[in-house]
Amino acid sequence: MTVLDQLHVRAEPAAVTQARHWVRERAAEAGLPLELARDLQLLTSEMVTAAVRSGDGPITVTVTVDDFAIRVDVADRHGDVTDQLEERGLDLVVDGIDVVHAVSAEWDWRPTADGGKTVWALLIRDL
């Protein structure tokens, strides 16, 4: 996959809108169909919202593409997804995870070297 672009934002509520607009522009530049672009915006919005709720340090959004898929990664400095379930309220985080699970073809998370995490979600392009 090729990195299309990266966005760096602060962990504050305005980051959600900023990321959503940014990813819409990236989707247009990549020539994604409208439905796929909307799904990408929804995933980005949910994942950045979760990162903002963790409230720890900067957030990085990365979009990568190839002929078959588009992927969005959201990295923050909060340790892991299960910590968010305990700290931020199960219902709010689970609702966001349910949306990511329902919309994406695949998603997961991994710890990062700086003690944070990256949550990623994959959308399949129609051929």
C-alpha atoms as a PDB file:
ATOM      1  CA  MET A   1       0.000   0.000   0.000  1.00  0.00           C
ATOM      2  CA  THR A   2       1.101   3.546  -0.700  1.00  0.00           C
ATOM      3  CA  VAL A   3       0.762   6.311   1.873  1.00  0.00           C
ATOM      4  CA  LEU A   4      -1.581   8.897   0.401  1.00  0.00           C
ATOM      5  CA  ASP A   5      -1.094  11.458   3.166  1.00  0.00           C
ATOM      6  CA  GLN A   6      -0.845  12.067   6.926  1.00  0.00           C
ATOM      7  CA  LEU A   7      -2.591  14.530   9.201  1.00  0.00           C
ATOM      8  CA  HIS A   8      -1.343  15.541  12.656  1.00  0.00           C
ATOM      9  CA  VAL A   9      -3.891  17.053  15.055  1.00  0.00           C
ATOM     10  CA  ARG A  10      -4.226  17.756  18.757  1.00  0.00           C
ATOM     11  CA  ALA A  11      -6.452  15.586  20.929  1.00  0.00           C
ATOM     12  CA  GLU A  12      -9.321  18.075  21.074  1.00  0.00           C
ATOM     13  CA  PRO A  13     -12.919  17.925  19.803  1.00  0.00           C
ATOM     14  CA  ALA A  14     -12.181  20.112  16.750  1.00  0.00           C
ATOM     15  CA  ALA A  15      -9.829  17.368  15.524  1.00  0.00           C
ATOM     16  CA  VAL A  16     -12.802  15.184  14.566  1.00  0.00           C
ATOM     17  CA  THR A  17     -14.190  17.741  12.102  1.00  0.00           C
ATOM     18  CA  GLN A  18     -10.725  18.589  10.837  1.00  0.00           C
ATOM     19  CA  ALA A  19      -9.921  14.917  10.183  1.00  0.00           C
ATOM     20  CA  ARG A  20     -13.279  14.280   8.513  1.00  0.00           C
ATOM     21  CA  HIS A  21     -12.784  17.203   6.088  1.00  0.00           C
ATOM     22  CA  TRP A  22      -9.166  16.225   5.471  1.00  0.00           C
ATOM     23  CA  VAL A  23     -10.019  12.611   4.638  1.00  0.00           C
ATOM     24  CA  ARG A  24     -12.831  13.751   2.326  1.00  0.00           C
ATOM     25  CA  GLU A  25     -10.258  15.773   0.360  1.00  0.00           C
ATOM     26  CA  ARG A  26      -7.884  12.780   0.216  1.00  0.00           C
ATOM     27  CA  ALA A  27     -10.726  10.554  -1.011  1.00  0.00           C
ATOM     28  CA  ALA A  28     -11.560  13.035  -3.787  1.00  0.00           C
ATOM     29  CA  GLU A  29      -7.892  13.246  -4.808  1.00  0.00           C
ATOM     30  CA  ALA A  30      -7.737   9.450  -4.988  1.00  0.00           C
ATOM     31  CA  GLY A  31     -10.897   9.346  -7.118  1.00  0.00           C
ATOM     32  CA  LEU A  32     -12.791   7.141  -4.683  1.00  0.00           C
ATOM     33  CA  PRO A  33     -16.477   6.500  -5.378  1.00  0.00           C
ATOM     34  CA  LEU A  34     -18.836   8.564  -3.210  1.00  0.00           C
ATOM     35  CA  GLU A  35     -20.026   5.598  -1.110  1.00  0.00           C
ATOM     36  CA  LEU A  36     -16.480   4.510  -0.308  1.00  0.00           C
ATOM     37  CA  ALA A  37     -15.493   8.109   0.479  1.00  0.00           C
ATOM     38  CA  ARG A  38     -18.419   8.401   2.903  1.00  0.00           C
ATOM     39  CA  ASP A  39     -17.445   5.152   4.612  1.00  0.00           C
ATOM     40  CA  LEU A  40     -13.878   6.424   4.911  1.00  0.00           C
ATOM     41  CA  GLN A  41     -15.140   9.636   6.503  1.00  0.00           C
ATOM     42  CA  LEU A  42     -17.316   7.712   8.961  1.00  0.00           C
ATOM     43  CA  LEU A  43     -14.472   5.412   9.988  1.00  0.00           C
ATOM     44  CA  THR A  44     -12.092   8.333  10.393  1.00  0.00           C
ATOM     45  CA  SER A  45     -14.618  10.279  12.448  1.00  0.00           C
ATOM     46  CA  GLU A  46     -15.294   7.366  14.823  1.00  0.00           C
ATOM     47  CA  MET A  47     -11.623   6.495  15.229  1.00  0.00           C
ATOM     48  CA  VAL A  48     -10.497  10.097  15.808  1.00  0.00           C
ATOM     49  CA  THR A  49     -13.362  10.601  18.278  1.00  0.00           C
ATOM     50  CA  ALA A  50     -12.059   7.622  20.276  1.00  0.00           C
ATOM     51  CA  ALA A  51      -8.517   9.031  20.145  1.00  0.00           C
ATOM     52  CA  VAL A  52      -9.723  12.450  21.324  1.00  0.00           C
ATOM     53  CA  ARG A  53     -11.583  10.824  24.213  1.00  0.00           C
ATOM     54  CA  SER A  54      -8.355   9.199  25.338  1.00  0.00           C
ATOM     55  CA  GLY A  55      -6.963  12.731  25.550  1.00  0.00           C
ATOM     56  CA  ASP A  56      -3.282  11.803  25.520  1.00  0.00           C
ATOM     57  CA  GLY A  57      -1.038  13.808  23.193  1.00  0.00           C
ATOM     58  CA  PRO A  58      -1.172  14.313  19.448  1.00  0.00           C
ATOM     59  CA  ILE A  59      -3.144  12.193  16.991  1.00  0.00           C
ATOM     60  CA  THR A  60      -1.855  11.094  13.592  1.00  0.00           C
ATOM     61  CA  VAL A  61      -4.233  10.032  10.813  1.00  0.00           C
ATOM     62  CA  THR A  62      -2.701   8.146   7.886  1.00  0.00           C
ATOM     63  CA  VAL A  63      -4.477   7.105   4.694  1.00  0.00           C
ATOM     64  CA  THR A  64      -2.953   4.416   2.484  1.00  0.00           C
ATOM     65  CA  VAL A  65      -4.276   3.036  -0.791  1.00  0.00           C
ATOM     66  CA  ASP A  66      -3.650   0.417  -3.426  1.00  0.00           C
ATOM     67  CA  ASP A  67      -5.687  -0.947  -6.327  1.00  0.00           C
ATOM     68  CA  PHE A  68      -7.779  -3.130  -4.026  1.00  0.00           C
ATOM     69  CA  ALA A  69      -8.233  -1.297  -0.730  1.00  0.00           C
ATOM     70  CA  ILE A  70      -7.976   1.908   1.243  1.00  0.00           C
ATOM     71  CA  ARG A  71      -6.873   1.954   4.856  1.00  0.00           C
ATOM     72  CA  VAL A  72      -7.071   4.572   7.575  1.00  0.00           C
ATOM     73  CA  ASP A  73      -4.798   4.429  10.633  1.00  0.00           C
ATOM     74  CA  VAL A  74      -5.333   6.616  13.693  1.00  0.00           C
ATOM     75  CA  ALA A  75      -2.446   6.740  16.155  1.00  0.00           C
ATOM     76  CA  ASP A  76      -2.536   8.291  19.607  1.00  0.00           C
ATOM     77  CA  ARG A  77      -0.492   8.064  22.779  1.00  0.00           C
ATOM     78  CA  HIS A  78      -3.040   6.149  24.842  1.00  0.00           C
ATOM     79  CA  GLY A  79      -1.997   2.584  25.663  1.00  0.00           C
ATOM     80  CA  ASP A  80      -4.725   0.300  24.376  1.00  0.00           C
ATOM     81  CA  VAL A  81      -8.338  -0.039  23.374  1.00  0.00           C
ATOM     82  CA  THR A  82      -9.342  -2.018  26.470  1.00  0.00           C
ATOM     83  CA  ASP A  83      -8.105   0.828  28.699  1.00  0.00           C
ATOM     84  CA  GLN A  84     -10.543   3.128  26.899  1.00  0.00           C
ATOM     85  CA  LEU A  85     -13.389   0.738  27.623  1.00  0.00           C
ATOM     86  CA  GLU A  86     -12.635   0.950  31.329  1.00  0.00           C
ATOM     87  CA  GLU A  87     -11.763   4.661  31.567  1.00  0.00           C
ATOM     88  CA  ARG A  88     -14.177   6.386  29.189  1.00  0.00           C
ATOM     89  CA  GLY A  89     -17.353   4.418  29.603  1.00  0.00           C
ATOM     90  CA  LEU A  90     -18.136   1.151  27.932  1.00  0.00           C
ATOM     91  CA  ASP A  91     -21.150   2.365  25.918  1.00  0.00           C
ATOM     92  CA  LEU A  92     -19.435   5.299  24.192  1.00  0.00           C
ATOM     93  CA  VAL A  93     -16.375   3.355  23.092  1.00  0.00           C
ATOM     94  CA  VAL A  94     -18.236   0.178  22.177  1.00  0.00           C
ATOM     95  CA  ASP A  95     -20.645   2.182  20.004  1.00  0.00           C
ATOM     96  CA  GLY A  96     -17.674   3.572  18.052  1.00  0.00           C
ATOM     97  CA  ILE A  97     -16.056   0.158  17.759  1.00  0.00           C
ATOM     98  CA  ASP A  98     -19.382  -1.295  16.572  1.00  0.00           C
ATOM     99  CA  VAL A  99     -19.521   1.304  13.792  1.00  0.00           C
ATOM    100  CA  VAL A 100     -15.919   0.590  12.739  1.00  0.00           C
ATOM    101  CA  HIS A 101     -16.625  -3.153  12.798  1.00  0.00           C
ATOM    102  CA  ALA A 102     -19.828  -2.778  10.765  1.00  0.00           C
ATOM    103  CA  VAL A 103     -18.415  -0.459   8.092  1.00  0.00           C
ATOM    104  CA  SER A 104     -14.898  -1.822   7.566  1.00  0.00           C
ATOM    105  CA  ALA A 105     -13.857  -5.049   5.860  1.00  0.00           C
ATOM    106  CA  GLU A 106     -11.333  -5.546   8.647  1.00  0.00           C
ATOM    107  CA  TRP A 107      -9.961  -3.565  11.602  1.00  0.00           C
ATOM    108  CA  ASP A 108      -7.611  -4.031  14.504  1.00  0.00           C
ATOM    109  CA  TRP A 109      -5.168  -2.174  16.722  1.00  0.00           C
ATOM    110  CA  ARG A 110      -1.525  -2.518  17.673  1.00  0.00           C
ATOM    111  CA  PRO A 111       0.683  -0.965  20.337  1.00  0.00           C
ATOM    112  CA  THR A 112       3.307   1.549  19.235  1.00  0.00           C
ATOM    113  CA  ALA A 113       6.900   1.939  20.410  1.00  0.00           C
ATOM    114  CA  ASP A 114       6.074   5.185  22.261  1.00  0.00           C
ATOM    115  CA  GLY A 115       3.513   3.460  24.503  1.00  0.00           C
ATOM    116  CA  GLY A 116       0.533   4.496  22.418  1.00  0.00           C
ATOM    117  CA  LYS A 117      -1.563   2.594  19.900  1.00  0.00           C
ATOM    118  CA  THR A 118      -2.642   2.649  16.288  1.00  0.00           C
ATOM    119  CA  VAL A 119      -6.173   1.624  15.353  1.00  0.00           C
ATOM    120  CA  TRP A 120      -6.639   0.803  11.673  1.00  0.00           C
ATOM    121  CA  ALA A 121      -9.559  -0.049   9.423  1.00  0.00           C
ATOM    122  CA  LEU A 122      -9.647  -1.359   5.870  1.00  0.00           C
ATOM    123  CA  LEU A 123     -12.183  -0.712   3.132  1.00  0.00           C
ATOM    124  CA  ILE A 124     -12.251  -2.805  -0.042  1.00  0.00           C
ATOM    125  CA  ARG A 125     -12.448  -0.970  -3.358  1.00  0.00           C
ATOM    126  CA  ASP A 126     -14.967  -2.214  -5.903  1.00  0.00           C
ATOM    127  CA  LEU A 127     -13.215  -3.488  -8.983  1.00  0.00           C
END
